[in-house]
Each structure stands twice: as C-alpha cells, then as structure tokens.
C-alpha cells in the first residue's frame, strides 16, 4: 500500500488559534473590540487565512510501495545490452510510442536475374538485411518493455484499488461518526 492506515489518521481539530491564542480568542477579541467601537478593523491574522490542507501532489512523483520483482530474463530481454537495465517503475512511454502501428502489406518480390547480381546488389542486400534485423530487434525490445511495464502497472493498479476500498471504508466510518456527533450536538 502507499501508506499504512495509521499514517492517515486525521489531524486533530484545533479549537482556537495557534499556540498562545485562547480558543475563540484571536478573531473574537478583534471582533468584540470592533463591535464595541474601541478598535479599528484589523487585517485577519495569517493563521486565519492559511489552510491546513496539503498542497496538490504531482501524480508522477508518488511512488507506491510494493514488491515487484520481474523475471530477470524478462528484464534482460527488455534492456539494451551495454545500457542501463530497463526499470518498469520509472519508464514512461509517450502516447506516440503506444499507438497501434498499421499493418503494412508486403510488396511483391521482384526477382533479379542472376546476371544483374553484381557487387553493388549484394552490398545493398547485406545492408537491407542488417537494417531489417535491427528493426525487428528494436520492435521486439519495445514489445518486451511494454509487457514488463504493463505487468508492473497491473500489480500497482490492483494495489491501489485495494487502497481505494480501504480509504472509502475509512471515509464511511468517519462520516458515520460525524453524523452521530451532529445528531447529538447539532451541525458544525
């Protein structure tokens, strides 16, 4: 899970202001003196305007804690020899890379007569064969990387779905506690 349940306990409800200000003290003292005409209007205290909510989080920076150990053979097939090992936790594919590629019909082979197969012909055939091999290898590498990344994302997704269920149950519990409190003491 991303965080244990014990880390998600709500912050305590503060009655009053920051340390040193009695409950209801800071804002009410200024309001009382304003109503009584003994004071000029004051700017709201900085603690009144600040919120206790966390700032938005970039989803790409959140790392879900989970164990994912892909098969070393899959990682070897997903990595370029001599380069850094492919890490499915960090690698992001662009939209363009994940688009389905159109299926191309092969062109009809043109038979070249034996008398035209000179050194230039064989050199071009060799270069074309090497280029085709590099292309197939690159395609195979990309497919392997996508399948390893997909396996990682499926496991991460299942874990996050479990956490969503847990957080929803926790939210339901706190809503029930709040409604019982409001039934006894009135709305907040």
Protein backbone atom coordinates (compact mmCIF):
# COMPACT_ATOMS: atom_id res chain seq x y z
CA UNK A 1 0.00 0.00 0.00
CA UNK A 2 1.04 3.55 -0.47
CA UNK A 3 0.73 4.43 3.20
CA UNK A 4 -0.30 2.40 6.23
CA UNK A 5 -3.69 3.24 7.72
CA UNK A 6 -2.06 4.56 10.88
CA UNK A 7 -0.45 7.35 8.82
CA UNK A 8 -3.82 8.51 7.52
CA UNK A 9 -5.39 9.50 10.82
CA UNK A 10 -6.95 12.93 10.55
CA UNK A 11 -5.19 15.90 12.09
CA UNK A 12 -6.61 16.89 15.45
CA UNK A 13 -9.31 19.55 15.34
CA UNK A 14 -7.91 22.74 16.81
CA UNK A 15 -10.29 24.90 18.78
CA UNK A 16 -8.78 28.34 18.75
CA UNK A 17 -5.74 29.70 17.06
CA UNK A 18 -2.09 28.95 17.11
CA UNK A 19 -0.17 28.34 20.28
CA UNK A 20 -0.68 31.13 22.79
CA UNK A 21 -4.10 32.20 21.48
CA UNK A 22 -7.01 31.02 23.61
CA UNK A 23 -9.83 29.11 21.91
CA UNK A 24 -12.05 31.64 20.21
CA UNK A 25 -9.62 34.31 21.35
CA UNK A 26 -7.79 35.83 18.39
CA UNK A 27 -10.64 36.51 15.98
CA UNK A 28 -13.28 37.15 18.64
CA UNK A 29 -11.18 39.67 20.57
CA UNK A 30 -10.77 41.75 17.44
CA UNK A 31 -14.46 41.38 16.58
CA UNK A 32 -15.61 42.33 20.11
CA UNK A 33 -13.46 45.45 20.17
CA UNK A 34 -14.65 46.36 16.66
CA UNK A 35 -18.32 45.99 17.67
CA UNK A 36 -17.75 47.99 20.83
CA UNK A 37 -16.06 50.69 18.79
CA UNK A 38 -12.80 50.55 20.76
CA UNK A 39 -10.61 49.38 17.90
CA UNK A 40 -10.03 49.89 14.21
CA UNK A 41 -10.61 46.94 11.83
CA UNK A 42 -7.58 44.66 11.74
CA UNK A 43 -6.22 42.56 8.94
CA UNK A 44 -7.07 38.90 9.50
CA UNK A 45 -4.31 37.01 11.24
CA UNK A 46 -2.17 34.89 8.94
CA UNK A 47 -3.30 31.72 10.74
CA UNK A 48 -6.91 32.56 9.83
CA UNK A 49 -6.20 32.71 6.13
CA UNK A 50 -3.86 29.73 5.94
CA UNK A 51 -5.37 26.34 5.31
CA UNK A 52 -4.34 23.12 6.92
CA UNK A 53 -4.84 21.12 3.73
CA UNK A 54 -1.88 19.67 1.88
CA UNK A 55 -0.82 21.16 -1.41
CA UNK A 56 -1.68 19.24 -4.58
CA UNK A 57 0.67 16.38 -5.38
CA UNK A 58 2.04 15.60 -8.81
CA UNK A 59 0.87 12.02 -9.51
CA UNK A 60 4.12 11.21 -11.30
CA UNK A 61 6.11 11.85 -8.11
CA UNK A 62 4.06 9.50 -5.94
CA UNK A 63 5.69 6.12 -5.55
CA UNK A 64 3.51 3.23 -4.47
CA UNK A 65 5.27 0.94 -2.04
CA UNK A 66 5.03 -2.59 -3.36
CA UNK A 67 7.19 -5.55 -4.18
CA UNK A 68 7.56 -6.14 -7.88
CA UNK A 69 10.34 -8.44 -8.95
CA UNK A 70 10.09 -9.13 -12.68
CA UNK A 71 11.76 -12.19 -14.09
CA UNK A 72 15.45 -11.40 -14.72
CA UNK A 73 15.11 -12.96 -18.19
CA UNK A 74 12.29 -10.51 -18.99
CA UNK A 75 14.43 -7.60 -17.79
CA UNK A 76 17.35 -8.82 -19.90
CA UNK A 77 15.09 -9.01 -22.96
CA UNK A 78 13.76 -5.52 -22.17
CA UNK A 79 17.16 -3.88 -21.80
CA UNK A 80 19.61 -2.74 -24.42
CA UNK A 81 22.96 -4.51 -23.95
CA UNK A 82 25.57 -2.11 -22.62
CA UNK A 83 22.96 0.36 -21.36
CA UNK A 84 21.13 0.77 -18.07
CA UNK A 85 18.74 -2.06 -17.14
CA UNK A 86 15.11 -1.30 -18.03
CA UNK A 87 13.18 -0.22 -14.91
CA UNK A 88 9.39 -0.64 -15.32
CA UNK A 89 8.81 1.51 -12.21
CA UNK A 90 10.31 4.64 -13.77
CA UNK A 91 9.99 4.28 -17.53
CA UNK A 92 7.13 6.20 -19.12
CA UNK A 93 6.09 5.60 -22.72
CA UNK A 94 4.86 8.50 -24.79
CA UNK A 95 1.42 8.40 -26.37
CA UNK A 96 3.09 8.10 -29.76
CA UNK A 97 5.05 5.01 -28.70
CA UNK A 98 1.89 3.26 -27.50
CA UNK A 99 -0.20 3.93 -30.61
CA UNK A 100 -1.00 0.80 -32.61
CA UNK A 101 1.03 0.57 -35.77
CA UNK A 102 -0.75 -0.04 -39.08
CA UNK A 103 -0.26 -3.40 -40.74
CA UNK A 104 1.58 -2.92 -43.97
CA UNK A 105 1.17 -5.26 -46.88
CA UNK A 106 4.45 -6.55 -48.16
CA UNK A 107 5.40 -5.51 -51.65
CA UNK A 108 5.70 -8.27 -54.20
CA UNK A 109 9.20 -9.54 -54.52
CA UNK A 110 10.88 -8.68 -57.75
CA UNK A 111 13.17 -11.39 -58.99
CA UNK A 112 16.51 -10.03 -60.08
CA UNK A 113 18.12 -12.00 -62.87
CA UNK A 114 21.41 -13.68 -61.99
CA UNK A 115 23.37 -11.59 -64.50
CA UNK A 116 22.37 -8.35 -62.62
CA UNK A 117 23.52 -9.60 -59.21
CA UNK A 118 26.80 -7.75 -59.02
CA UNK A 119 28.82 -6.47 -56.04
CA UNK A 120 26.57 -3.40 -55.66
CA UNK A 121 23.48 -5.65 -55.50
CA UNK A 122 24.97 -7.91 -52.80
CA UNK A 123 26.18 -4.93 -50.79
CA UNK A 124 22.65 -3.41 -50.84
CA UNK A 125 21.10 -6.79 -49.91
CA UNK A 126 23.51 -7.12 -46.98
CA UNK A 127 22.74 -3.56 -45.75
CA UNK A 128 18.99 -4.15 -46.13
CA UNK A 129 19.17 -7.45 -44.22
CA UNK A 130 21.08 -5.76 -41.40
CA UNK A 131 18.56 -2.88 -41.27
CA UNK A 132 15.64 -5.35 -41.20
CA UNK A 133 17.32 -7.27 -38.35
CA UNK A 134 17.87 -4.03 -36.37
CA UNK A 135 14.24 -3.05 -36.95
CA UNK A 136 12.94 -6.45 -35.78
CA UNK A 137 15.19 -6.32 -32.71
CA UNK A 138 14.03 -2.79 -31.84
CA UNK A 139 10.38 -3.81 -32.23
CA UNK A 140 10.92 -6.92 -30.08
CA UNK A 141 12.70 -4.82 -27.41
CA UNK A 142 9.84 -2.28 -27.34
CA UNK A 143 7.24 -5.07 -27.07
CA UNK A 144 9.17 -6.65 -24.19
CA UNK A 145 9.46 -3.32 -22.39
CA UNK A 146 5.75 -2.65 -22.81
CA UNK A 147 4.81 -6.10 -21.49
CA UNK A 148 7.05 -5.75 -18.40
CA UNK A 149 5.72 -2.23 -17.76
CA UNK A 150 2.13 -3.49 -18.21
CA UNK A 151 2.73 -6.26 -15.65
CA UNK A 152 4.08 -3.69 -13.19
CA UNK A 153 1.14 -1.33 -13.78
CA UNK A 154 -1.41 -4.14 -13.36
CA UNK A 155 0.08 -5.05 -10.00
CA UNK A 156 0.25 -1.39 -8.94
CA UNK A 157 -3.34 -0.86 -10.11
CA UNK A 158 -4.61 -3.83 -8.06
CA UNK A 159 -2.80 -2.50 -5.00
CA UNK A 160 -4.22 1.00 -5.49
CA UNK A 161 -7.73 -0.41 -5.94
CA UNK A 162 -7.37 -2.20 -2.60
CA UNK A 163 -6.24 1.05 -1.02
CA UNK A 164 -9.21 2.92 -2.52
CA UNK A 165 -11.57 0.35 -0.98
CA UNK A 166 -9.83 0.74 2.38
CA UNK A 167 -9.92 4.56 2.24
CA UNK A 168 -13.60 4.51 1.24
CA UNK A 169 -14.39 2.28 4.21
CA UNK A 170 -12.45 4.64 6.46
CA UNK A 171 -14.31 7.63 4.98
CA UNK A 172 -17.65 5.89 5.53
CA UNK A 173 -16.68 5.24 9.15
CA UNK A 174 -15.72 8.90 9.73
CA UNK A 175 -18.91 10.12 8.06
CA UNK A 176 -20.92 7.90 10.40
CA UNK A 177 -19.01 9.27 13.40
CA UNK A 178 -19.64 12.83 12.17
CA UNK A 179 -23.35 12.24 11.64
CA UNK A 180 -23.66 10.74 15.16
CA UNK A 181 -21.82 13.76 16.55
CA UNK A 182 -24.07 16.17 14.64
CA UNK A 183 -27.18 14.31 15.82
CA UNK A 184 -26.10 14.77 19.43
CA UNK A 185 -24.58 18.25 19.29
CA UNK A 186 -26.04 19.92 16.21
CA UNK A 187 -24.46 20.78 12.88
CA UNK A 188 -20.91 22.09 12.82
